């Protein structure tokens, strides 16, 4: 998997951590985010509810199509299963 450049804001107490510990924490957070930002993971934890068609689905292709639209359809919702 390709490394992703991202901006992270991490608030730490100044005296408790040295530069090496901070870099290690940032690397771990970035790895965790890369793991869960995949479409496979999103399709496992989210579902699309289409009230117009009375349908609930968590298919990857449907979710990807709904997320890629510039404007959302009325009464079509993306719901997190949590």
Protein backbone atom coordinates (compact mmCIF):
# COMPACT_ATOMS: atom_id res chain seq x y z
CA UNK A 1 0.00 0.00 0.00
CA UNK A 2 1.25 3.45 -0.93
CA UNK A 3 2.07 5.92 1.86
CA UNK A 4 -0.34 8.84 2.13
CA UNK A 5 0.70 12.38 2.98
CA UNK A 6 -1.84 13.90 5.34
CA UNK A 7 -2.05 16.71 7.83
CA UNK A 8 -2.74 15.58 11.38
CA UNK A 9 -3.37 17.80 14.38
CA UNK A 10 -2.23 16.06 17.56
CA UNK A 11 -2.45 17.81 20.90
CA UNK A 12 0.17 16.69 23.42
CA UNK A 13 1.49 17.95 26.69
CA UNK A 14 4.86 19.55 25.94
CA UNK A 15 6.94 17.96 28.68
CA UNK A 16 5.83 14.35 28.41
CA UNK A 17 6.96 13.34 24.92
CA UNK A 18 10.17 13.66 22.97
CA UNK A 19 10.35 14.07 19.18
CA UNK A 20 10.91 10.35 18.57
CA UNK A 21 7.79 9.36 20.53
CA UNK A 22 5.71 11.95 18.69
CA UNK A 23 6.89 10.70 15.28
CA UNK A 24 6.11 7.12 16.30
CA UNK A 25 2.57 8.10 17.40
CA UNK A 26 1.96 9.99 14.14
CA UNK A 27 3.14 6.99 12.11
CA UNK A 28 0.80 4.65 14.02
CA UNK A 29 -2.19 6.96 13.57
CA UNK A 30 -1.48 7.32 9.86
CA UNK A 31 -1.26 3.53 9.46
CA UNK A 32 -4.58 3.05 11.28
CA UNK A 33 -6.29 5.64 9.08
CA UNK A 34 -4.92 4.04 5.91
CA UNK A 35 -6.34 0.71 7.03
CA UNK A 36 -9.88 1.96 7.62
CA UNK A 37 -10.14 4.38 4.70
CA UNK A 38 -10.64 1.60 2.15
CA UNK A 39 -13.91 1.02 0.31
CA UNK A 40 -14.02 -2.59 1.57
CA UNK A 41 -14.00 -1.37 5.16
CA UNK A 42 -16.58 1.34 4.46
CA UNK A 43 -18.92 -1.16 2.82
CA UNK A 44 -18.65 -3.39 5.88
CA UNK A 45 -19.58 -0.61 8.36
CA UNK A 46 -21.99 1.52 6.31
CA UNK A 47 -25.21 0.92 4.45
CA UNK A 48 -27.32 2.84 1.98
CA UNK A 49 -30.99 3.28 2.78
CA UNK A 50 -33.08 4.24 -0.24
CA UNK A 51 -36.58 5.16 0.92
CA UNK A 52 -37.71 5.73 -2.67
CA UNK A 53 -37.12 2.09 -3.58
CA UNK A 54 -37.63 0.66 -0.07
CA UNK A 55 -34.15 -0.86 -0.18
CA UNK A 56 -31.28 -1.21 2.27
CA UNK A 57 -27.92 -2.38 0.96
CA UNK A 58 -24.25 -2.45 1.89
CA UNK A 59 -22.95 -3.52 -1.52
CA UNK A 60 -19.63 -1.95 -2.32
CA UNK A 61 -20.64 -0.77 -5.79
CA UNK A 62 -23.83 0.92 -4.59
CA UNK A 63 -22.04 2.63 -1.71
CA UNK A 64 -19.25 3.83 -3.99
CA UNK A 65 -21.78 5.20 -6.47
CA UNK A 66 -23.69 7.08 -3.75
CA UNK A 67 -20.53 8.51 -2.19
CA UNK A 68 -19.19 9.70 -5.55
CA UNK A 69 -22.28 11.72 -6.48
CA UNK A 70 -22.00 15.49 -6.31
CA UNK A 71 -25.63 15.90 -5.25
CA UNK A 72 -27.50 13.36 -3.18
CA UNK A 73 -30.92 12.03 -4.11
CA UNK A 74 -33.82 12.91 -1.82
CA UNK A 75 -34.61 10.27 0.81
CA UNK A 76 -31.42 8.33 0.19
CA UNK A 77 -29.30 8.03 3.30
CA UNK A 78 -25.85 6.70 4.17
CA UNK A 79 -25.99 5.20 7.63
CA UNK A 80 -23.14 3.98 9.81
CA UNK A 81 -24.02 0.63 11.39
CA UNK A 82 -22.52 1.59 14.74
